[in-house]
C-alpha atoms as a PDB file:
ATOM      1  CA  MET A   1      25.416 -23.852 -32.840  1.00  0.00           C
ATOM      2  CA  SER A   2      23.893 -25.815 -29.975  1.00  0.00           C
ATOM      3  CA  THR A   3      20.226 -26.712 -29.828  1.00  0.00           C
ATOM      4  CA  SER A   4      18.058 -25.441 -27.012  1.00  0.00           C
ATOM      5  CA  HIS A   5      16.723 -27.940 -24.520  1.00  0.00           C
ATOM      6  CA  VAL A   6      13.209 -27.043 -25.752  1.00  0.00           C
ATOM      7  CA  THR A   7      12.236 -26.417 -29.374  1.00  0.00           C
ATOM      8  CA  THR A   8       8.897 -26.103 -31.141  1.00  0.00           C
ATOM      9  CA  HIS A   9       7.354 -26.192 -34.602  1.00  0.00           C
ATOM     10  CA  VAL A  10       3.946 -24.700 -35.421  1.00  0.00           C
ATOM     11  CA  LEU A  11       2.030 -25.894 -38.470  1.00  0.00           C
ATOM     12  CA  ASP A  12      -1.170 -24.199 -39.598  1.00  0.00           C
ATOM     13  CA  THR A  13      -3.265 -27.190 -40.594  1.00  0.00           C
ATOM     14  CA  GLY A  14      -5.986 -24.914 -41.962  1.00  0.00           C
ATOM     15  CA  SER A  15      -3.682 -23.493 -44.627  1.00  0.00           C
ATOM     16  CA  GLY A  16      -1.342 -26.468 -44.870  1.00  0.00           C
ATOM     17  CA  LYS A  17       1.663 -24.195 -44.252  1.00  0.00           C
ATOM     18  CA  PRO A  18       4.106 -23.418 -41.456  1.00  0.00           C
ATOM     19  CA  ALA A  19       2.826 -20.785 -39.023  1.00  0.00           C
ATOM     20  CA  ALA A  20       5.431 -18.020 -39.296  1.00  0.00           C
ATOM     21  CA  GLY A  21       5.632 -15.198 -36.775  1.00  0.00           C
ATOM     22  CA  VAL A  22       3.864 -16.860 -33.841  1.00  0.00           C
ATOM     23  CA  ALA A  23       5.107 -15.356 -30.568  1.00  0.00           C
ATOM     24  CA  VAL A  24       6.018 -18.040 -28.013  1.00  0.00           C
ATOM     25  CA  THR A  25       6.983 -17.875 -24.338  1.00  0.00           C
ATOM     26  CA  LEU A  26       8.675 -20.563 -22.264  1.00  0.00           C
ATOM     27  CA  GLU A  27       7.897 -20.513 -18.545  1.00  0.00           C
ATOM     28  CA  MET A  28       8.865 -22.664 -15.559  1.00  0.00           C
ATOM     29  CA  LEU A  29       6.676 -23.387 -12.533  1.00  0.00           C
ATOM     30  CA  ASP A  30       8.444 -22.131  -9.398  1.00  0.00           C
ATOM     31  CA  GLY A  31       6.347 -22.976  -6.350  1.00  0.00           C
ATOM     32  CA  ASP A  32       2.950 -21.497  -7.160  1.00  0.00           C
ATOM     33  CA  ARG A  33       4.035 -18.990  -9.810  1.00  0.00           C
ATOM     34  CA  TRP A  34       5.220 -19.126 -13.400  1.00  0.00           C
ATOM     35  CA  VAL A  35       8.601 -17.601 -14.228  1.00  0.00           C
ATOM     36  CA  ARG A  36       9.403 -16.555 -17.790  1.00  0.00           C
ATOM     37  CA  ILE A  37      12.527 -18.289 -19.093  1.00  0.00           C
ATOM     38  CA  ALA A  38      12.562 -17.196 -22.744  1.00  0.00           C
ATOM     39  CA  THR A  39      10.561 -15.682 -25.578  1.00  0.00           C
ATOM     40  CA  GLY A  40      10.782 -16.094 -29.320  1.00  0.00           C
ATOM     41  CA  ALA A  41       8.829 -16.191 -32.563  1.00  0.00           C
ATOM     42  CA  THR A  42       8.507 -18.881 -35.192  1.00  0.00           C
ATOM     43  CA  ASP A  43      10.589 -18.467 -38.344  1.00  0.00           C
ATOM     44  CA  ASP A  44       9.340 -18.797 -41.933  1.00  0.00           C
ATOM     45  CA  ASP A  45       9.349 -22.588 -41.500  1.00  0.00           C
ATOM     46  CA  GLY A  46       7.212 -22.303 -38.327  1.00  0.00           C
ATOM     47  CA  ARG A  47      10.124 -23.317 -36.091  1.00  0.00           C
ATOM     48  CA  ILE A  48      11.907 -21.972 -33.056  1.00  0.00           C
ATOM     49  CA  LYS A  49      15.249 -23.727 -32.913  1.00  0.00           C
ATOM     50  CA  SER A  50      16.619 -21.759 -29.971  1.00  0.00           C
ATOM     51  CA  LEU A  51      14.196 -21.114 -27.119  1.00  0.00           C
ATOM     52  CA  GLY A  52      15.833 -20.867 -23.757  1.00  0.00           C
ATOM     53  CA  PRO A  53      18.962 -22.413 -22.324  1.00  0.00           C
ATOM     54  CA  ASP A  54      20.805 -25.534 -23.450  1.00  0.00           C
ATOM     55  CA  LYS A  55      19.731 -27.333 -20.261  1.00  0.00           C
ATOM     56  CA  LEU A  56      16.743 -27.020 -17.942  1.00  0.00           C
ATOM     57  CA  ALA A  57      16.292 -28.337 -14.435  1.00  0.00           C
ATOM     58  CA  SER A  58      13.701 -31.055 -13.919  1.00  0.00           C
ATOM     59  CA  GLY A  59      10.283 -29.545 -13.339  1.00  0.00           C
ATOM     60  CA  THR A  60       7.063 -28.338 -14.922  1.00  0.00           C
ATOM     61  CA  TYR A  61       7.248 -25.993 -17.894  1.00  0.00           C
ATOM     62  CA  ARG A  62       4.816 -24.466 -20.338  1.00  0.00           C
ATOM     63  CA  LEU A  63       4.889 -22.979 -23.788  1.00  0.00           C
ATOM     64  CA  GLY A  64       2.449 -20.163 -24.524  1.00  0.00           C
ATOM     65  CA  PHE A  65       1.570 -19.491 -28.168  1.00  0.00           C
ATOM     66  CA  ASP A  66      -0.010 -16.138 -29.134  1.00  0.00           C
ATOM     67  CA  THR A  67      -2.379 -17.600 -31.692  1.00  0.00           C
ATOM     68  CA  GLY A  68      -4.759 -14.644 -31.472  1.00  0.00           C
ATOM     69  CA  ALA A  69      -2.171 -12.265 -32.920  1.00  0.00           C
ATOM     70  CA  TYR A  70      -1.186 -14.831 -35.558  1.00  0.00           C
ATOM     71  CA  TYR A  71      -4.745 -15.213 -36.821  1.00  0.00           C
ATOM     72  CA  GLY A  72      -5.546 -11.545 -36.247  1.00  0.00           C
ATOM     73  CA  ALA A  73      -2.838 -10.573 -38.745  1.00  0.00           C
ATOM     74  CA  THR A  74      -4.903 -12.280 -41.466  1.00  0.00           C
ATOM     75  CA  LYS A  75      -8.263 -11.257 -40.011  1.00  0.00           C
ATOM     76  CA  THR A  76      -9.087 -14.912 -39.367  1.00  0.00           C
ATOM     77  CA  GLU A  77     -11.468 -15.671 -36.511  1.00  0.00           C
ATOM     78  CA  THR A  78     -10.111 -18.122 -33.948  1.00  0.00           C
ATOM     79  CA  PHE A  79     -11.628 -19.810 -30.920  1.00  0.00           C
ATOM     80  CA  PHE A  80      -8.223 -20.073 -29.215  1.00  0.00           C
ATOM     81  CA  PRO A  81      -6.515 -16.667 -28.802  1.00  0.00           C
ATOM     82  CA  GLU A  82      -3.767 -18.403 -26.848  1.00  0.00           C
ATOM     83  CA  VAL A  83      -2.631 -22.006 -26.656  1.00  0.00           C
ATOM     84  CA  THR A  84      -0.740 -23.108 -23.555  1.00  0.00           C
ATOM     85  CA  LEU A  85       1.024 -26.466 -23.474  1.00  0.00           C
ATOM     86  CA  THR A  86       2.247 -27.658 -20.077  1.00  0.00           C
ATOM     87  CA  PHE A  87       4.808 -30.455 -19.916  1.00  0.00           C
ATOM     88  CA  ALA A  88       7.274 -32.110 -17.548  1.00  0.00           C
ATOM     89  CA  VAL A  89      11.049 -32.056 -17.929  1.00  0.00           C
ATOM     90  CA  ASP A  90      12.546 -34.988 -16.060  1.00  0.00           C
ATOM     91  CA  ASP A  91      15.779 -35.709 -17.884  1.00  0.00           C
ATOM     92  CA  SER A  92      18.406 -32.998 -18.085  1.00  0.00           C
ATOM     93  CA  GLN A  93      20.071 -34.814 -20.993  1.00  0.00           C
ATOM     94  CA  ALA A  94      16.992 -35.163 -23.225  1.00  0.00           C
ATOM     95  CA  HIS A  95      15.855 -32.783 -25.934  1.00  0.00           C
ATOM     96  CA  TYR A  96      12.210 -31.709 -25.695  1.00  0.00           C
ATOM     97  CA  HIS A  97      10.555 -30.897 -29.025  1.00  0.00           C
ATOM     98  CA  VAL A  98       6.946 -29.765 -28.554  1.00  0.00           C
ATOM     99  CA  PRO A  99       5.150 -29.254 -31.899  1.00  0.00           C
ATOM    100  CA  LEU A 100       1.778 -27.543 -32.269  1.00  0.00           C
ATOM    101  CA  LEU A 101      -0.669 -28.401 -35.048  1.00  0.00           C
ATOM    102  CA  LEU A 102      -2.996 -25.442 -35.265  1.00  0.00           C
ATOM    103  CA  SER A 103      -6.229 -24.419 -36.952  1.00  0.00           C
ATOM    104  CA  PRO A 104      -8.656 -21.625 -36.053  1.00  0.00           C
ATOM    105  CA  PHE A 105     -10.938 -23.939 -34.064  1.00  0.00           C
ATOM    106  CA  ALA A 106      -8.716 -26.844 -32.992  1.00  0.00           C
ATOM    107  CA  TYR A 107      -5.182 -27.751 -32.050  1.00  0.00           C
ATOM    108  CA  SER A 108      -3.157 -30.813 -31.141  1.00  0.00           C
ATOM    109  CA  THR A 109       0.324 -31.552 -29.907  1.00  0.00           C
ATOM    110  CA  TYR A 110       2.675 -34.415 -29.166  1.00  0.00           C
ATOM    111  CA  ARG A 111       6.200 -34.985 -27.939  1.00  0.00           C
ATOM    112  CA  GLY A 112       8.370 -34.804 -30.997  1.00  0.00           C
ATOM    113  CA  SER A 113      11.947 -35.832 -31.549  1.00  0.00           C
END
């Protein structure tokens, strides 16, 4: 099985566990509008190993995480009902892993490997 050009991993830092079932969209900026490329949901380990095609053209992309639904399922209040991470793809050969560390009132990210 090949790995998608873009993957993600969501960890719920408030509970110390992977964030399972988070809906995620991958979009590409095309001129002045965003075009949906793929959708998925995190597995029991908080990962999406296959989100979109094997290769993406250079450009600006974003991942949208439906954190409101994730926290709503446990009746947990959150300040961020959606987290959107925008990033640049500039190497068609590179793998882009974009993790999200999430809590109800904060989040952080980085370029993973």
